[in-house]
N, C-alpha and C. Protein backbone atom coordinates (compact mmCIF):
# COMPACT_ATOMS: atom_id res chain seq x y z
N GLY A 1 6.50 15.73 -14.17
CA GLY A 1 6.28 14.81 -13.06
C GLY A 1 6.43 13.37 -13.56
N ASP A 2 6.36 12.41 -12.65
CA ASP A 2 6.49 11.01 -13.03
C ASP A 2 5.40 10.58 -13.99
N ILE A 3 5.71 9.78 -14.99
CA ILE A 3 4.74 9.24 -15.96
C ILE A 3 4.38 7.81 -15.54
N TYR A 4 3.09 7.57 -15.36
CA TYR A 4 2.61 6.24 -14.92
C TYR A 4 1.77 5.51 -15.96
N ALA A 5 1.32 6.26 -17.02
CA ALA A 5 0.42 5.63 -17.98
C ALA A 5 0.69 6.12 -19.39
N ILE A 6 0.69 5.21 -20.34
CA ILE A 6 0.86 5.51 -21.75
C ILE A 6 -0.10 4.68 -22.57
N ALA A 7 -0.74 5.30 -23.56
CA ALA A 7 -1.53 4.58 -24.54
C ALA A 7 -1.27 5.17 -25.91
N THR A 8 -1.49 4.38 -26.96
CA THR A 8 -1.19 4.86 -28.31
C THR A 8 -2.33 4.51 -29.27
N ASP A 9 -2.42 5.27 -30.34
CA ASP A 9 -3.24 4.90 -31.51
C ASP A 9 -2.34 4.97 -32.74
N ASP A 10 -2.93 5.09 -33.91
CA ASP A 10 -2.13 5.04 -35.14
C ASP A 10 -1.13 6.21 -35.26
N GLU A 11 -1.51 7.38 -34.76
CA GLU A 11 -0.70 8.58 -34.97
C GLU A 11 -0.13 9.22 -33.69
N PHE A 12 -0.76 8.96 -32.55
CA PHE A 12 -0.42 9.73 -31.37
C PHE A 12 -0.12 8.84 -30.14
N VAL A 13 0.58 9.47 -29.18
CA VAL A 13 0.87 8.86 -27.88
C VAL A 13 0.18 9.73 -26.82
N TYR A 14 -0.50 9.09 -25.88
CA TYR A 14 -1.19 9.80 -24.79
C TYR A 14 -0.54 9.39 -23.48
N ILE A 15 -0.09 10.40 -22.69
CA ILE A 15 0.64 10.10 -21.47
C ILE A 15 0.04 10.84 -20.28
N GLY A 16 0.21 10.23 -19.08
CA GLY A 16 -0.29 10.88 -17.87
C GLY A 16 0.52 10.45 -16.67
N GLY A 17 0.43 11.22 -15.59
CA GLY A 17 1.14 10.87 -14.37
C GLY A 17 0.90 11.82 -13.22
N TRP A 18 1.93 12.07 -12.44
CA TRP A 18 1.82 12.92 -11.25
C TRP A 18 2.29 14.35 -11.51
N THR A 19 2.15 15.21 -10.51
CA THR A 19 2.58 16.61 -10.52
C THR A 19 1.76 17.44 -11.52
N THR A 20 1.94 17.20 -12.81
CA THR A 20 1.17 17.94 -13.82
C THR A 20 -0.28 17.52 -13.81
N GLN A 21 -0.54 16.22 -13.65
CA GLN A 21 -1.88 15.66 -13.51
C GLN A 21 -2.75 15.95 -14.72
N THR A 22 -2.14 16.00 -15.88
CA THR A 22 -2.87 16.20 -17.15
C THR A 22 -2.51 15.08 -18.11
N VAL A 23 -3.33 14.92 -19.14
CA VAL A 23 -2.99 14.04 -20.24
C VAL A 23 -2.36 14.89 -21.35
N ARG A 24 -1.25 14.43 -21.87
CA ARG A 24 -0.61 15.11 -23.01
C ARG A 24 -0.67 14.21 -24.22
N LYS A 25 -1.00 14.82 -25.35
CA LYS A 25 -1.08 14.12 -26.63
C LYS A 25 0.14 14.51 -27.46
N LEU A 26 0.92 13.50 -27.85
CA LEU A 26 2.17 13.72 -28.57
C LEU A 26 2.12 13.06 -29.94
N ARG A 27 2.73 13.70 -30.95
CA ARG A 27 2.86 13.06 -32.27
C ARG A 27 3.84 11.88 -32.15
N LYS A 28 3.45 10.75 -32.76
CA LYS A 28 4.36 9.62 -32.74
C LYS A 28 5.66 9.91 -33.47
N SER A 29 5.56 10.68 -34.54
CA SER A 29 6.73 10.87 -35.43
C SER A 29 7.91 11.50 -34.70
N ASP A 30 7.65 12.55 -33.89
CA ASP A 30 8.74 13.25 -33.20
C ASP A 30 8.48 13.53 -31.74
N LEU A 31 7.33 13.03 -31.23
CA LEU A 31 6.92 13.22 -29.81
C LEU A 31 6.72 14.69 -29.44
N SER A 32 6.42 15.51 -30.42
CA SER A 32 6.07 16.91 -30.12
C SER A 32 4.65 16.96 -29.59
N GLN A 33 4.38 17.91 -28.68
CA GLN A 33 3.06 17.99 -28.04
C GLN A 33 2.03 18.63 -28.97
N VAL A 34 0.83 17.99 -29.04
CA VAL A 34 -0.27 18.47 -29.88
C VAL A 34 -1.37 19.08 -29.01
N ALA A 35 -1.62 18.50 -27.84
CA ALA A 35 -2.70 18.99 -26.96
C ALA A 35 -2.42 18.57 -25.53
N GLU A 36 -3.12 19.24 -24.61
CA GLU A 36 -3.02 18.90 -23.18
C GLU A 36 -4.38 19.08 -22.54
N SER A 37 -4.78 18.11 -21.72
CA SER A 37 -6.08 18.19 -21.05
C SER A 37 -6.05 19.14 -19.88
N ALA A 38 -7.22 19.45 -19.37
CA ALA A 38 -7.32 20.14 -18.09
C ALA A 38 -6.78 19.21 -16.98
N ASN A 39 -6.52 19.78 -15.81
CA ASN A 39 -6.02 18.98 -14.70
C ASN A 39 -7.05 17.89 -14.29
N TYR A 40 -6.57 16.68 -14.14
CA TYR A 40 -7.45 15.55 -13.75
C TYR A 40 -7.91 15.69 -12.30
N GLY A 41 -7.09 16.35 -11.46
CA GLY A 41 -7.42 16.52 -10.06
C GLY A 41 -6.68 15.59 -9.13
N GLY A 42 -5.75 14.82 -9.69
CA GLY A 42 -4.95 13.90 -8.92
C GLY A 42 -3.96 13.22 -9.85
N GLY A 43 -3.09 12.36 -9.30
CA GLY A 43 -2.16 11.62 -10.13
C GLY A 43 -2.91 10.70 -11.08
N ILE A 44 -2.45 10.59 -12.33
CA ILE A 44 -3.04 9.73 -13.33
C ILE A 44 -2.26 8.41 -13.37
N TYR A 45 -2.98 7.31 -13.15
CA TYR A 45 -2.33 5.98 -13.14
C TYR A 45 -2.73 5.11 -14.34
N ALA A 46 -3.81 5.43 -15.04
CA ALA A 46 -4.31 4.55 -16.07
C ALA A 46 -4.89 5.34 -17.23
N ILE A 47 -4.56 4.93 -18.46
CA ILE A 47 -5.11 5.53 -19.68
C ILE A 47 -5.44 4.42 -20.65
N ALA A 48 -6.60 4.54 -21.32
CA ALA A 48 -6.98 3.65 -22.41
C ALA A 48 -7.59 4.50 -23.50
N VAL A 49 -7.51 4.02 -24.74
CA VAL A 49 -8.05 4.78 -25.87
C VAL A 49 -8.88 3.89 -26.76
N ASP A 50 -9.86 4.50 -27.47
CA ASP A 50 -10.54 3.85 -28.56
C ASP A 50 -10.43 4.78 -29.77
N ASP A 51 -11.30 4.62 -30.76
CA ASP A 51 -11.15 5.41 -31.98
C ASP A 51 -11.35 6.89 -31.78
N ASN A 52 -12.19 7.27 -30.83
CA ASN A 52 -12.53 8.69 -30.67
C ASN A 52 -12.22 9.32 -29.31
N TYR A 53 -11.98 8.49 -28.31
CA TYR A 53 -11.87 9.03 -26.93
C TYR A 53 -10.69 8.47 -26.17
N VAL A 54 -10.31 9.19 -25.13
CA VAL A 54 -9.30 8.80 -24.15
C VAL A 54 -9.98 8.66 -22.81
N TYR A 55 -9.70 7.56 -22.12
CA TYR A 55 -10.29 7.29 -20.80
C TYR A 55 -9.18 7.31 -19.77
N VAL A 56 -9.38 8.14 -18.74
CA VAL A 56 -8.31 8.41 -17.75
C VAL A 56 -8.78 8.15 -16.35
N GLY A 57 -7.92 7.52 -15.53
CA GLY A 57 -8.24 7.31 -14.12
C GLY A 57 -7.02 7.47 -13.24
N GLY A 58 -7.27 7.69 -11.94
CA GLY A 58 -6.14 7.87 -11.02
C GLY A 58 -6.55 8.11 -9.60
N ALA A 59 -5.74 8.94 -8.94
CA ALA A 59 -5.89 9.21 -7.49
C ALA A 59 -6.72 10.46 -7.23
N THR A 60 -7.09 10.63 -5.96
CA THR A 60 -7.76 11.84 -5.44
C THR A 60 -9.19 11.96 -5.92
N THR A 61 -9.42 12.17 -7.22
CA THR A 61 -10.80 12.28 -7.71
C THR A 61 -11.45 10.92 -7.84
N HIS A 62 -10.63 9.88 -8.08
CA HIS A 62 -11.11 8.49 -8.12
C HIS A 62 -12.20 8.27 -9.15
N THR A 63 -12.17 9.05 -10.25
CA THR A 63 -13.17 8.93 -11.31
C THR A 63 -12.48 8.57 -12.63
N VAL A 64 -13.32 8.08 -13.57
CA VAL A 64 -12.87 7.94 -14.96
C VAL A 64 -13.36 9.18 -15.71
N LYS A 65 -12.46 9.81 -16.42
CA LYS A 65 -12.81 10.94 -17.27
C LYS A 65 -12.66 10.52 -18.72
N LYS A 66 -13.67 10.84 -19.51
CA LYS A 66 -13.69 10.56 -20.94
C LYS A 66 -13.38 11.87 -21.69
N LEU A 67 -12.32 11.82 -22.50
CA LEU A 67 -11.83 13.03 -23.18
C LEU A 67 -11.92 12.85 -24.69
N ASN A 68 -12.24 13.91 -25.42
CA ASN A 68 -12.16 13.90 -26.86
C ASN A 68 -10.67 13.74 -27.28
N LYS A 69 -10.45 12.82 -28.22
CA LYS A 69 -9.06 12.64 -28.70
C LYS A 69 -8.52 13.90 -29.34
N SER A 70 -9.37 14.60 -30.06
CA SER A 70 -8.92 15.73 -30.87
C SER A 70 -8.24 16.81 -30.08
N ASN A 71 -8.86 17.24 -28.98
CA ASN A 71 -8.31 18.35 -28.18
C ASN A 71 -8.22 18.05 -26.69
N LEU A 72 -8.55 16.81 -26.29
CA LEU A 72 -8.53 16.35 -24.90
C LEU A 72 -9.48 17.14 -23.98
N SER A 73 -10.54 17.68 -24.58
CA SER A 73 -11.63 18.29 -23.76
C SER A 73 -12.47 17.19 -23.15
N GLN A 74 -13.04 17.47 -21.97
CA GLN A 74 -13.79 16.45 -21.24
C GLN A 74 -15.22 16.29 -21.81
N VAL A 75 -15.62 15.02 -21.98
CA VAL A 75 -16.93 14.68 -22.48
C VAL A 75 -17.83 14.15 -21.38
N ALA A 76 -17.28 13.34 -20.50
CA ALA A 76 -18.07 12.73 -19.40
C ALA A 76 -17.15 12.38 -18.26
N VAL A 77 -17.74 12.20 -17.08
CA VAL A 77 -17.01 11.77 -15.90
C VAL A 77 -17.88 10.76 -15.14
N SER A 78 -17.22 9.70 -14.64
CA SER A 78 -17.95 8.68 -13.88
C SER A 78 -18.19 9.11 -12.45
N ALA A 79 -19.00 8.35 -11.77
CA ALA A 79 -19.08 8.48 -10.30
C ALA A 79 -17.75 7.99 -9.71
N SER A 80 -17.51 8.31 -8.46
CA SER A 80 -16.24 7.87 -7.82
C SER A 80 -16.17 6.37 -7.77
N TYR A 81 -15.00 5.85 -8.12
CA TYR A 81 -14.75 4.40 -8.01
C TYR A 81 -14.70 3.98 -6.54
N GLY A 82 -14.34 4.88 -5.67
CA GLY A 82 -14.25 4.59 -4.22
C GLY A 82 -12.81 4.45 -3.75
N GLY A 83 -11.87 4.61 -4.65
CA GLY A 83 -10.46 4.52 -4.33
C GLY A 83 -9.66 4.87 -5.57
N GLY A 84 -8.34 4.81 -5.46
CA GLY A 84 -7.48 5.08 -6.61
C GLY A 84 -7.73 4.12 -7.74
N ILE A 85 -7.74 4.63 -8.98
CA ILE A 85 -7.92 3.78 -10.17
C ILE A 85 -6.55 3.51 -10.76
N TYR A 86 -6.20 2.22 -10.84
CA TYR A 86 -4.89 1.80 -11.34
C TYR A 86 -4.92 1.09 -12.67
N ALA A 87 -6.10 0.67 -13.12
CA ALA A 87 -6.20 -0.10 -14.36
C ALA A 87 -7.50 0.21 -15.10
N ILE A 88 -7.37 0.40 -16.41
CA ILE A 88 -8.52 0.64 -17.29
C ILE A 88 -8.33 -0.17 -18.56
N ALA A 89 -9.41 -0.80 -19.01
CA ALA A 89 -9.43 -1.46 -20.32
C ALA A 89 -10.76 -1.15 -20.99
N VAL A 90 -10.77 -1.07 -22.33
CA VAL A 90 -11.99 -0.73 -23.03
C VAL A 90 -12.25 -1.72 -24.16
N ASP A 91 -13.56 -1.99 -24.45
CA ASP A 91 -13.92 -2.70 -25.66
C ASP A 91 -14.88 -1.81 -26.43
N ASP A 92 -15.68 -2.38 -27.31
CA ASP A 92 -16.53 -1.56 -28.17
C ASP A 92 -17.60 -0.78 -27.39
N ASN A 93 -18.05 -1.34 -26.30
CA ASN A 93 -19.20 -0.73 -25.59
C ASN A 93 -18.93 -0.34 -24.14
N TYR A 94 -17.91 -0.89 -23.52
CA TYR A 94 -17.73 -0.73 -22.09
C TYR A 94 -16.30 -0.35 -21.69
N VAL A 95 -16.21 0.21 -20.47
CA VAL A 95 -14.95 0.51 -19.84
C VAL A 95 -14.86 -0.35 -18.57
N TYR A 96 -13.73 -1.02 -18.36
CA TYR A 96 -13.53 -1.86 -17.19
C TYR A 96 -12.45 -1.22 -16.32
N VAL A 97 -12.79 -1.02 -15.03
CA VAL A 97 -11.95 -0.21 -14.15
C VAL A 97 -11.63 -0.99 -12.87
N GLY A 98 -10.37 -0.91 -12.41
CA GLY A 98 -9.99 -1.53 -11.15
C GLY A 98 -9.05 -0.66 -10.37
N GLY A 99 -8.97 -0.88 -9.01
CA GLY A 99 -8.08 -0.06 -8.22
C GLY A 99 -8.05 -0.44 -6.78
N SER A 100 -7.84 0.59 -5.92
CA SER A 100 -7.68 0.37 -4.49
C SER A 100 -8.99 0.60 -3.75
N THR A 101 -8.96 0.27 -2.45
CA THR A 101 -10.08 0.51 -1.51
C THR A 101 -11.31 -0.34 -1.85
N THR A 102 -11.92 -0.08 -3.01
CA THR A 102 -13.08 -0.86 -3.42
C THR A 102 -12.70 -2.28 -3.82
N HIS A 103 -11.54 -2.41 -4.49
CA HIS A 103 -10.97 -3.73 -4.85
C HIS A 103 -11.88 -4.57 -5.76
N THR A 104 -12.66 -3.89 -6.60
CA THR A 104 -13.53 -4.60 -7.55
C THR A 104 -13.25 -4.13 -8.95
N VAL A 105 -13.77 -4.89 -9.92
CA VAL A 105 -13.81 -4.39 -11.30
C VAL A 105 -15.20 -3.81 -11.51
N LYS A 106 -15.25 -2.58 -12.01
CA LYS A 106 -16.49 -1.95 -12.36
C LYS A 106 -16.59 -1.85 -13.88
N LYS A 107 -17.77 -2.23 -14.40
CA LYS A 107 -18.03 -2.15 -15.84
C LYS A 107 -18.92 -0.94 -16.09
N LEU A 108 -18.44 -0.02 -16.92
CA LEU A 108 -19.15 1.22 -17.16
C LEU A 108 -19.57 1.34 -18.63
N ASN A 109 -20.72 1.96 -18.88
CA ASN A 109 -21.13 2.29 -20.23
C ASN A 109 -20.15 3.32 -20.81
N LYS A 110 -19.69 3.07 -22.02
CA LYS A 110 -18.81 4.03 -22.65
C LYS A 110 -19.46 5.40 -22.89
N SER A 111 -20.75 5.39 -23.20
CA SER A 111 -21.45 6.60 -23.60
C SER A 111 -21.44 7.66 -22.52
N ASN A 112 -21.79 7.28 -21.30
CA ASN A 112 -21.90 8.28 -20.24
C ASN A 112 -21.17 7.88 -18.95
N LEU A 113 -20.45 6.75 -19.00
CA LEU A 113 -19.68 6.23 -17.86
C LEU A 113 -20.54 5.85 -16.66
N SER A 114 -21.79 5.53 -16.89
CA SER A 114 -22.63 5.01 -15.83
C SER A 114 -22.30 3.56 -15.57
N GLN A 115 -22.48 3.08 -14.34
CA GLN A 115 -22.08 1.74 -13.97
C GLN A 115 -23.11 0.71 -14.41
N VAL A 116 -22.62 -0.39 -15.02
CA VAL A 116 -23.47 -1.48 -15.50
C VAL A 116 -23.43 -2.66 -14.53
N SER A 117 -22.24 -3.02 -14.05
CA SER A 117 -22.09 -4.14 -13.11
C SER A 117 -20.78 -4.00 -12.36
N GLU A 118 -20.63 -4.87 -11.35
CA GLU A 118 -19.44 -4.83 -10.49
C GLU A 118 -19.11 -6.25 -10.07
N SER A 119 -17.81 -6.57 -10.06
CA SER A 119 -17.35 -7.88 -9.66
C SER A 119 -17.35 -8.04 -8.16
N ALA A 120 -17.16 -9.25 -7.73
CA ALA A 120 -16.91 -9.51 -6.27
C ALA A 120 -15.56 -8.88 -5.91
N ASN A 121 -15.32 -8.69 -4.62
CA ASN A 121 -14.08 -8.09 -4.15
C ASN A 121 -12.89 -8.97 -4.50
N TYR A 122 -11.88 -8.40 -5.11
CA TYR A 122 -10.66 -9.12 -5.49
C TYR A 122 -9.81 -9.46 -4.27
N GLY A 123 -9.95 -8.69 -3.20
CA GLY A 123 -9.22 -8.97 -1.99
C GLY A 123 -8.03 -8.08 -1.77
N GLY A 124 -7.82 -7.13 -2.67
CA GLY A 124 -6.69 -6.19 -2.58
C GLY A 124 -6.72 -5.29 -3.77
N THR A 125 -5.78 -4.36 -3.82
CA THR A 125 -5.71 -3.41 -4.92
C THR A 125 -5.52 -4.12 -6.27
N ILE A 126 -6.28 -3.70 -7.27
CA ILE A 126 -6.14 -4.21 -8.63
C ILE A 126 -5.20 -3.29 -9.39
N TYR A 127 -4.09 -3.85 -9.91
CA TYR A 127 -3.10 -3.05 -10.63
C TYR A 127 -3.11 -3.31 -12.13
N ALA A 128 -3.75 -4.39 -12.59
CA ALA A 128 -3.67 -4.73 -14.00
C ALA A 128 -4.97 -5.37 -14.48
N ILE A 129 -5.41 -4.96 -15.67
CA ILE A 129 -6.60 -5.54 -16.30
C ILE A 129 -6.28 -5.74 -17.79
N ALA A 130 -6.71 -6.89 -18.31
CA ALA A 130 -6.65 -7.14 -19.75
C ALA A 130 -7.96 -7.81 -20.16
N ILE A 131 -8.40 -7.59 -21.40
CA ILE A 131 -9.67 -8.14 -21.85
C ILE A 131 -9.53 -8.79 -23.20
N ASP A 132 -10.39 -9.80 -23.45
CA ASP A 132 -10.55 -10.35 -24.79
C ASP A 132 -12.05 -10.28 -25.11
N ASP A 133 -12.52 -11.05 -26.08
CA ASP A 133 -13.91 -10.93 -26.51
C ASP A 133 -14.94 -11.29 -25.42
N LYS A 134 -14.56 -12.23 -24.56
CA LYS A 134 -15.55 -12.72 -23.58
C LYS A 134 -15.15 -12.56 -22.12
N PHE A 135 -13.88 -12.33 -21.85
CA PHE A 135 -13.41 -12.37 -20.46
C PHE A 135 -12.54 -11.17 -20.08
N VAL A 136 -12.49 -10.95 -18.76
CA VAL A 136 -11.63 -9.93 -18.16
C VAL A 136 -10.62 -10.66 -17.28
N TYR A 137 -9.37 -10.29 -17.38
CA TYR A 137 -8.28 -10.90 -16.59
C TYR A 137 -7.71 -9.84 -15.65
N VAL A 138 -7.70 -10.13 -14.36
CA VAL A 138 -7.39 -9.15 -13.34
C VAL A 138 -6.27 -9.63 -12.45
N GLY A 139 -5.33 -8.73 -12.11
CA GLY A 139 -4.25 -9.07 -11.20
C GLY A 139 -3.92 -7.90 -10.28
N GLY A 140 -3.25 -8.24 -9.16
CA GLY A 140 -2.87 -7.20 -8.22
C GLY A 140 -2.34 -7.72 -6.91
N TRP A 141 -2.81 -7.09 -5.84
CA TRP A 141 -2.29 -7.32 -4.49
C TRP A 141 -2.51 -8.73 -3.99
N THR A 142 -3.58 -9.37 -4.40
CA THR A 142 -3.89 -10.72 -3.95
C THR A 142 -2.93 -11.75 -4.52
N GLN A 143 -2.18 -11.38 -5.56
CA GLN A 143 -1.12 -12.18 -6.14
C GLN A 143 -1.61 -13.35 -7.00
N THR A 144 -2.88 -13.28 -7.39
CA THR A 144 -3.40 -14.26 -8.33
C THR A 144 -4.05 -13.52 -9.50
N VAL A 145 -4.21 -14.24 -10.61
CA VAL A 145 -5.02 -13.71 -11.72
C VAL A 145 -6.42 -14.32 -11.63
N ARG A 146 -7.43 -13.45 -11.76
CA ARG A 146 -8.80 -13.93 -11.80
C ARG A 146 -9.37 -13.69 -13.19
N LYS A 147 -10.05 -14.69 -13.70
CA LYS A 147 -10.72 -14.62 -14.98
C LYS A 147 -12.20 -14.42 -14.77
N LEU A 148 -12.77 -13.31 -15.27
CA LEU A 148 -14.16 -12.96 -15.04
C LEU A 148 -14.92 -12.92 -16.36
N ARG A 149 -16.18 -13.33 -16.33
CA ARG A 149 -17.04 -13.17 -17.51
C ARG A 149 -17.33 -11.69 -17.74
N LYS A 150 -17.24 -11.25 -18.97
CA LYS A 150 -17.54 -9.86 -19.27
C LYS A 150 -19.00 -9.54 -18.99
N SER A 151 -19.88 -10.47 -19.27
CA SER A 151 -21.32 -10.22 -19.20
C SER A 151 -21.76 -9.75 -17.81
N ASP A 152 -21.29 -10.43 -16.77
CA ASP A 152 -21.75 -10.08 -15.40
C ASP A 152 -20.60 -10.00 -14.40
N LEU A 153 -19.34 -10.12 -14.88
CA LEU A 153 -18.15 -10.06 -14.03
C LEU A 153 -18.07 -11.14 -12.97
N SER A 154 -18.78 -12.26 -13.23
CA SER A 154 -18.67 -13.41 -12.33
C SER A 154 -17.35 -14.13 -12.57
N GLN A 155 -16.80 -14.79 -11.55
CA GLN A 155 -15.50 -15.43 -11.69
C GLN A 155 -15.61 -16.78 -12.34
N VAL A 156 -14.68 -17.04 -13.27
CA VAL A 156 -14.63 -18.30 -14.01
C VAL A 156 -13.46 -19.17 -13.54
N ALA A 157 -12.33 -18.51 -13.28
CA ALA A 157 -11.13 -19.26 -12.89
C ALA A 157 -10.18 -18.36 -12.11
N GLU A 158 -9.26 -18.96 -11.37
CA GLU A 158 -8.23 -18.22 -10.63
C GLU A 158 -6.91 -18.98 -10.73
N SER A 159 -5.83 -18.23 -10.94
CA SER A 159 -4.50 -18.85 -11.06
C SER A 159 -3.95 -19.20 -9.69
N ALA A 160 -2.87 -19.98 -9.71
CA ALA A 160 -2.08 -20.19 -8.49
C ALA A 160 -1.44 -18.86 -8.11
N ASN A 161 -0.96 -18.79 -6.86
CA ASN A 161 -0.34 -17.58 -6.36
C ASN A 161 0.97 -17.30 -7.10
N TYR A 162 1.11 -16.07 -7.57
CA TYR A 162 2.32 -15.65 -8.31
C TYR A 162 3.52 -15.55 -7.41
N GLY A 163 3.32 -15.27 -6.12
CA GLY A 163 4.42 -15.12 -5.18
C GLY A 163 4.79 -13.68 -4.93
N GLY A 164 4.01 -12.76 -5.47
CA GLY A 164 4.22 -11.33 -5.29
C GLY A 164 3.08 -10.59 -5.93
N ILE A 165 3.05 -9.28 -5.71
CA ILE A 165 1.99 -8.44 -6.30
C ILE A 165 2.14 -8.45 -7.83
N ILE A 166 1.02 -8.64 -8.52
CA ILE A 166 1.00 -8.63 -10.00
C ILE A 166 0.76 -7.21 -10.46
N ASP A 167 1.69 -6.67 -11.24
CA ASP A 167 1.61 -5.29 -11.73
C ASP A 167 1.27 -5.19 -13.20
N ALA A 168 1.41 -6.26 -13.96
CA ALA A 168 1.26 -6.20 -15.41
C ALA A 168 0.66 -7.46 -15.95
N ILE A 169 -0.29 -7.32 -16.88
CA ILE A 169 -0.92 -8.42 -17.57
C ILE A 169 -1.00 -8.07 -19.06
N ALA A 170 -0.70 -9.08 -19.89
CA ALA A 170 -0.92 -8.97 -21.34
C ALA A 170 -1.45 -10.31 -21.81
N ILE A 171 -2.23 -10.29 -22.90
CA ILE A 171 -2.82 -11.51 -23.41
C ILE A 171 -2.66 -11.61 -24.93
N ASP A 172 -2.73 -12.87 -25.40
CA ASP A 172 -2.88 -13.11 -26.85
C ASP A 172 -4.06 -14.07 -27.01
N ASP A 173 -4.15 -14.75 -28.13
CA ASP A 173 -5.32 -15.60 -28.37
C ASP A 173 -5.43 -16.77 -27.42
N GLU A 174 -4.28 -17.27 -26.91
CA GLU A 174 -4.33 -18.48 -26.09
C GLU A 174 -3.80 -18.32 -24.66
N PHE A 175 -2.96 -17.30 -24.42
CA PHE A 175 -2.26 -17.25 -23.14
C PHE A 175 -2.34 -15.88 -22.47
N VAL A 176 -2.10 -15.92 -21.16
CA VAL A 176 -2.01 -14.72 -20.33
C VAL A 176 -0.55 -14.63 -19.81
N TYR A 177 0.03 -13.43 -19.90
CA TYR A 177 1.41 -13.21 -19.44
C TYR A 177 1.38 -12.24 -18.30
N ILE A 178 2.00 -12.58 -17.18
CA ILE A 178 1.94 -11.73 -15.99
C ILE A 178 3.35 -11.46 -15.45
N GLY A 179 3.49 -10.32 -14.76
CA GLY A 179 4.74 -9.98 -14.11
C GLY A 179 4.47 -9.12 -12.88
N GLY A 180 5.46 -9.05 -11.99
CA GLY A 180 5.27 -8.22 -10.79
C GLY A 180 6.42 -8.26 -9.82
N TRP A 181 6.08 -8.06 -8.54
CA TRP A 181 7.04 -7.94 -7.48
C TRP A 181 7.53 -9.29 -6.99
N THR A 182 8.59 -9.25 -6.18
CA THR A 182 9.11 -10.34 -5.38
C THR A 182 9.61 -11.50 -6.25
N THR A 183 8.69 -12.17 -6.96
CA THR A 183 9.07 -13.30 -7.84
C THR A 183 9.87 -12.75 -9.02
N GLN A 184 9.46 -11.61 -9.56
CA GLN A 184 10.18 -10.91 -10.62
C GLN A 184 10.38 -11.74 -11.88
N THR A 185 9.43 -12.61 -12.19
CA THR A 185 9.48 -13.40 -13.42
C THR A 185 8.23 -13.12 -14.24
N VAL A 186 8.30 -13.52 -15.51
CA VAL A 186 7.10 -13.54 -16.33
C VAL A 186 6.56 -14.96 -16.32
N ARG A 187 5.27 -15.10 -16.03
CA ARG A 187 4.62 -16.40 -16.09
C ARG A 187 3.63 -16.42 -17.26
N LYS A 188 3.63 -17.52 -17.96
CA LYS A 188 2.71 -17.76 -19.08
C LYS A 188 1.65 -18.73 -18.60
N LEU A 189 0.39 -18.30 -18.66
CA LEU A 189 -0.72 -19.09 -18.20
C LEU A 189 -1.69 -19.41 -19.32
N ARG A 190 -2.30 -20.60 -19.28
CA ARG A 190 -3.34 -20.92 -20.24
C ARG A 190 -4.59 -20.07 -19.94
N LYS A 191 -5.16 -19.50 -20.98
CA LYS A 191 -6.38 -18.72 -20.81
C LYS A 191 -7.50 -19.56 -20.24
N SER A 192 -7.61 -20.80 -20.69
CA SER A 192 -8.77 -21.64 -20.36
C SER A 192 -8.96 -21.80 -18.86
N ASP A 193 -7.87 -22.14 -18.15
CA ASP A 193 -8.01 -22.43 -16.71
C ASP A 193 -6.95 -21.72 -15.85
N LEU A 194 -6.13 -20.86 -16.49
CA LEU A 194 -5.07 -20.10 -15.80
C LEU A 194 -4.00 -20.99 -15.17
N SER A 195 -3.83 -22.17 -15.69
CA SER A 195 -2.74 -23.05 -15.25
C SER A 195 -1.44 -22.56 -15.86
N GLN A 196 -0.32 -22.76 -15.17
CA GLN A 196 0.97 -22.28 -15.64
C GLN A 196 1.57 -23.15 -16.72
N VAL A 197 2.07 -22.52 -17.78
CA VAL A 197 2.69 -23.21 -18.90
C VAL A 197 4.22 -23.06 -18.86
N ALA A 198 4.68 -21.87 -18.51
CA ALA A 198 6.13 -21.59 -18.51
C ALA A 198 6.43 -20.39 -17.61
N GLU A 199 7.71 -20.26 -17.24
CA GLU A 199 8.15 -19.15 -16.41
C GLU A 199 9.54 -18.73 -16.84
N SER A 200 9.76 -17.41 -16.89
CA SER A 200 11.05 -16.87 -17.31
C SER A 200 12.06 -16.91 -16.18
N ALA A 201 13.32 -16.64 -16.52
CA ALA A 201 14.35 -16.44 -15.47
C ALA A 201 13.95 -15.16 -14.72
């Protein structure tokens, strides 16, 4: 089926998508399959990994599932997000989740996937999340990037309108890079205030 999500660690690639609705673990060296999870229960749109676990989200079940990296067996499952999950990011202690219908970022405990806090409504489906040490950067249907405090998910800053749905976000130490529909360019934004620095062809 279609592949919508990929994550990697030092040795393996973890993939998920539609039809099969499972996570497959592949060796980086030759992409041979090592393990496969049980059925997620819907299309998989988002995967994130840490040292020991794989975190998966998607459609239909609208939950985050935490899987053992070794054999992709299930360890924990969250309550329903309330809509399709399109974006997941993880840090040392928490999982940050965004998607459709609910249109918020939910912060979950890594241990048992219980909810810690929730952001204000983004105003549309969230398709992309990136995190650094202190902040969460969110993009999607509203066509802006919002910068949220990790501690309580309160909003710190918002970018100008991208001109289309934002599907992808990446960050480095100083900047946020976004891309998406309609405008079809990459924009480079300052992390501090999300002001635009440059734009690609």
